[in-house]
Amino acid sequence: MNTLSIYFNGEPRSVPEGTTLQQALALLTQADGAAPPAPIATALNGSHVARARREQTLLAAGDHITTFQAIVGG
């Protein structure tokens, strides 16, 4: 199986080709041994990706995924 080289919170990582953002979050947070905080927000290459779009967002080589705690309120 071919892999993609990506960056997860600034660290180089590899995921299988065809991986979605949602799948990568599950894979990479398990690899770190910690569950992501809830709610978690994500950015892909500096642009916010809504939770509802993560499963449809395919990753490409060189992508940068950033996770951070979502801020709610107004």
N, C-alpha and C. Protein backbone atom coordinates (compact mmCIF):
# COMPACT_ATOMS: atom_id res chain seq x y z
N MET A 1 0.85 -1.18 0.00
CA MET A 1 0.00 0.00 0.00
C MET A 1 0.89 1.24 0.00
N ASN A 2 0.56 2.19 -0.83
CA ASN A 2 1.32 3.44 -0.90
C ASN A 2 0.91 4.37 0.23
N THR A 3 1.87 5.19 0.65
CA THR A 3 1.60 6.13 1.73
C THR A 3 1.84 7.56 1.26
N LEU A 4 1.24 8.49 2.02
CA LEU A 4 1.44 9.92 1.79
C LEU A 4 2.23 10.48 2.96
N SER A 5 3.15 11.36 2.66
CA SER A 5 3.87 12.09 3.71
C SER A 5 3.10 13.37 3.97
N ILE A 6 2.69 13.56 5.23
CA ILE A 6 1.93 14.75 5.63
C ILE A 6 2.56 15.29 6.91
N TYR A 7 1.99 16.39 7.41
CA TYR A 7 2.40 16.97 8.68
C TYR A 7 1.18 17.05 9.58
N PHE A 8 1.34 16.58 10.82
CA PHE A 8 0.27 16.60 11.80
C PHE A 8 0.77 17.42 12.98
N ASN A 9 0.16 18.60 13.16
CA ASN A 9 0.60 19.53 14.21
C ASN A 9 2.11 19.77 14.14
N GLY A 10 2.61 19.94 12.91
CA GLY A 10 4.01 20.28 12.69
C GLY A 10 4.97 19.11 12.62
N GLU A 11 4.49 17.91 12.92
CA GLU A 11 5.35 16.73 12.91
C GLU A 11 5.14 15.93 11.62
N PRO A 12 6.22 15.48 10.98
CA PRO A 12 6.05 14.65 9.78
C PRO A 12 5.44 13.30 10.14
N ARG A 13 4.48 12.88 9.36
CA ARG A 13 3.80 11.59 9.56
C ARG A 13 3.51 10.98 8.20
N SER A 14 3.08 9.73 8.19
CA SER A 14 2.67 9.03 6.98
C SER A 14 1.29 8.42 7.20
N VAL A 15 0.47 8.49 6.15
CA VAL A 15 -0.85 7.86 6.17
C VAL A 15 -1.04 7.16 4.83
N PRO A 16 -1.91 6.15 4.77
CA PRO A 16 -2.16 5.48 3.50
C PRO A 16 -2.81 6.43 2.47
N GLU A 17 -2.48 6.23 1.20
CA GLU A 17 -3.16 6.98 0.14
C GLU A 17 -4.66 6.75 0.26
N GLY A 18 -5.45 7.78 -0.03
CA GLY A 18 -6.90 7.66 0.04
C GLY A 18 -7.46 7.95 1.42
N THR A 19 -6.60 8.37 2.36
CA THR A 19 -7.04 8.67 3.71
C THR A 19 -7.78 10.00 3.75
N THR A 20 -8.91 10.03 4.46
CA THR A 20 -9.63 11.28 4.66
C THR A 20 -9.09 11.99 5.91
N LEU A 21 -9.46 13.23 6.04
CA LEU A 21 -9.06 13.98 7.23
C LEU A 21 -9.58 13.30 8.50
N GLN A 22 -10.82 12.84 8.47
CA GLN A 22 -11.40 12.17 9.64
C GLN A 22 -10.61 10.90 9.99
N GLN A 23 -10.27 10.11 8.98
CA GLN A 23 -9.49 8.89 9.23
C GLN A 23 -8.11 9.22 9.77
N ALA A 24 -7.49 10.25 9.23
CA ALA A 24 -6.16 10.65 9.71
C ALA A 24 -6.20 11.08 11.16
N LEU A 25 -7.24 11.82 11.54
CA LEU A 25 -7.36 12.23 12.94
C LEU A 25 -7.44 11.02 13.85
N ALA A 26 -8.24 10.04 13.45
CA ALA A 26 -8.37 8.82 14.26
C ALA A 26 -7.03 8.07 14.33
N LEU A 27 -6.37 7.91 13.20
CA LEU A 27 -5.09 7.20 13.16
C LEU A 27 -4.01 7.90 13.97
N LEU A 28 -3.88 9.18 13.76
CA LEU A 28 -2.75 9.91 14.34
C LEU A 28 -2.94 10.21 15.82
N THR A 29 -4.15 10.41 16.25
CA THR A 29 -4.35 10.64 17.69
C THR A 29 -4.18 9.33 18.45
N GLN A 30 -4.56 8.20 17.85
CA GLN A 30 -4.32 6.90 18.48
C GLN A 30 -2.82 6.63 18.59
N ALA A 31 -2.09 7.02 17.55
CA ALA A 31 -0.64 6.81 17.54
C ALA A 31 0.03 7.61 18.65
N ASP A 32 -0.54 8.77 18.98
CA ASP A 32 0.01 9.60 20.05
C ASP A 32 -0.40 9.10 21.43
N GLY A 33 -1.35 8.14 21.47
CA GLY A 33 -1.78 7.58 22.73
C GLY A 33 -2.78 8.43 23.49
N ALA A 34 -3.34 9.43 22.82
CA ALA A 34 -4.30 10.30 23.49
C ALA A 34 -5.49 10.55 22.58
N ALA A 35 -6.64 10.61 23.18
CA ALA A 35 -7.84 10.96 22.41
C ALA A 35 -7.86 12.47 22.21
N PRO A 36 -8.37 12.93 21.06
CA PRO A 36 -8.43 14.37 20.84
C PRO A 36 -9.43 15.01 21.80
N PRO A 37 -9.16 16.25 22.20
CA PRO A 37 -10.12 16.92 23.06
C PRO A 37 -11.41 17.19 22.30
N ALA A 38 -12.50 17.25 23.02
CA ALA A 38 -13.78 17.51 22.36
C ALA A 38 -14.31 18.83 22.87
N PRO A 39 -14.77 19.70 22.07
CA PRO A 39 -14.69 19.61 20.61
C PRO A 39 -13.31 20.02 20.09
N ILE A 40 -12.93 19.44 18.98
CA ILE A 40 -11.65 19.73 18.36
C ILE A 40 -11.92 20.41 17.02
N ALA A 41 -11.13 21.41 16.70
CA ALA A 41 -11.24 22.08 15.41
C ALA A 41 -10.03 21.67 14.57
N THR A 42 -10.19 21.70 13.27
CA THR A 42 -9.11 21.29 12.38
C THR A 42 -8.89 22.32 11.28
N ALA A 43 -7.65 22.42 10.88
CA ALA A 43 -7.29 23.22 9.72
C ALA A 43 -6.45 22.34 8.81
N LEU A 44 -6.65 22.49 7.53
CA LEU A 44 -5.87 21.77 6.53
C LEU A 44 -5.19 22.81 5.67
N ASN A 45 -3.87 22.82 5.71
CA ASN A 45 -3.08 23.81 4.97
C ASN A 45 -3.51 25.23 5.31
N GLY A 46 -3.83 25.45 6.58
CA GLY A 46 -4.16 26.79 7.05
C GLY A 46 -5.61 27.20 6.92
N SER A 47 -6.45 26.35 6.33
CA SER A 47 -7.87 26.67 6.16
C SER A 47 -8.71 25.76 7.04
N HIS A 48 -9.67 26.37 7.74
CA HIS A 48 -10.55 25.61 8.62
C HIS A 48 -11.33 24.57 7.83
N VAL A 49 -11.47 23.38 8.39
CA VAL A 49 -12.31 22.32 7.81
C VAL A 49 -13.38 21.98 8.85
N ALA A 50 -14.63 22.22 8.49
CA ALA A 50 -15.74 21.94 9.39
C ALA A 50 -15.82 20.44 9.66
N ARG A 51 -16.28 20.10 10.86
CA ARG A 51 -16.41 18.69 11.25
C ARG A 51 -17.21 17.90 10.21
N ALA A 52 -18.26 18.48 9.69
CA ALA A 52 -19.11 17.79 8.71
C ALA A 52 -18.39 17.51 7.39
N ARG A 53 -17.29 18.19 7.12
CA ARG A 53 -16.56 17.99 5.86
C ARG A 53 -15.33 17.09 5.99
N ARG A 54 -15.00 16.70 7.20
CA ARG A 54 -13.77 15.92 7.40
C ARG A 54 -13.80 14.58 6.67
N GLU A 55 -14.93 13.91 6.68
CA GLU A 55 -15.01 12.58 6.06
C GLU A 55 -14.91 12.66 4.53
N GLN A 56 -15.23 13.79 3.94
CA GLN A 56 -15.16 13.95 2.49
C GLN A 56 -13.85 14.58 2.03
N THR A 57 -13.01 15.00 2.97
CA THR A 57 -11.78 15.71 2.63
C THR A 57 -10.62 14.73 2.53
N LEU A 58 -10.21 14.44 1.29
CA LEU A 58 -9.08 13.53 1.05
C LEU A 58 -7.77 14.28 1.24
N LEU A 59 -6.80 13.60 1.81
CA LEU A 59 -5.49 14.19 2.01
C LEU A 59 -4.61 13.98 0.79
N ALA A 60 -3.65 14.88 0.62
CA ALA A 60 -2.68 14.79 -0.46
C ALA A 60 -1.28 14.90 0.16
N ALA A 61 -0.29 14.44 -0.57
CA ALA A 61 1.09 14.50 -0.09
C ALA A 61 1.45 15.94 0.25
N GLY A 62 2.10 16.12 1.40
CA GLY A 62 2.55 17.43 1.82
C GLY A 62 1.53 18.24 2.59
N ASP A 63 0.31 17.71 2.76
CA ASP A 63 -0.71 18.45 3.51
C ASP A 63 -0.27 18.68 4.95
N HIS A 64 -0.73 19.80 5.49
CA HIS A 64 -0.47 20.16 6.88
C HIS A 64 -1.80 20.17 7.62
N ILE A 65 -1.94 19.27 8.61
CA ILE A 65 -3.12 19.21 9.46
C ILE A 65 -2.76 19.85 10.79
N THR A 66 -3.60 20.79 11.22
CA THR A 66 -3.43 21.41 12.52
C THR A 66 -4.70 21.20 13.32
N THR A 67 -4.56 20.78 14.57
CA THR A 67 -5.72 20.62 15.45
C THR A 67 -5.60 21.61 16.59
N PHE A 68 -6.75 22.06 17.05
CA PHE A 68 -6.78 22.99 18.18
C PHE A 68 -8.15 22.91 18.82
N GLN A 69 -8.22 23.36 20.06
CA GLN A 69 -9.49 23.31 20.77
C GLN A 69 -10.41 24.38 20.20
N ALA A 70 -11.61 23.97 19.86
CA ALA A 70 -12.59 24.89 19.30
C ALA A 70 -13.05 25.88 20.37
N ILE A 71 -13.24 27.11 19.96
CA ILE A 71 -13.75 28.14 20.85
C ILE A 71 -15.18 28.45 20.43
N VAL A 72 -16.09 28.32 21.35
CA VAL A 72 -17.49 28.58 21.05
C VAL A 72 -17.98 29.74 21.91
N GLY A 73 -19.04 30.33 21.46
CA GLY A 73 -19.61 31.45 22.20
C GLY A 73 -19.60 32.70 21.36
N GLY A 74 -19.98 33.77 21.95
CA GLY A 74 -20.04 34.97 21.13
C GLY A 74 -19.95 36.22 21.86
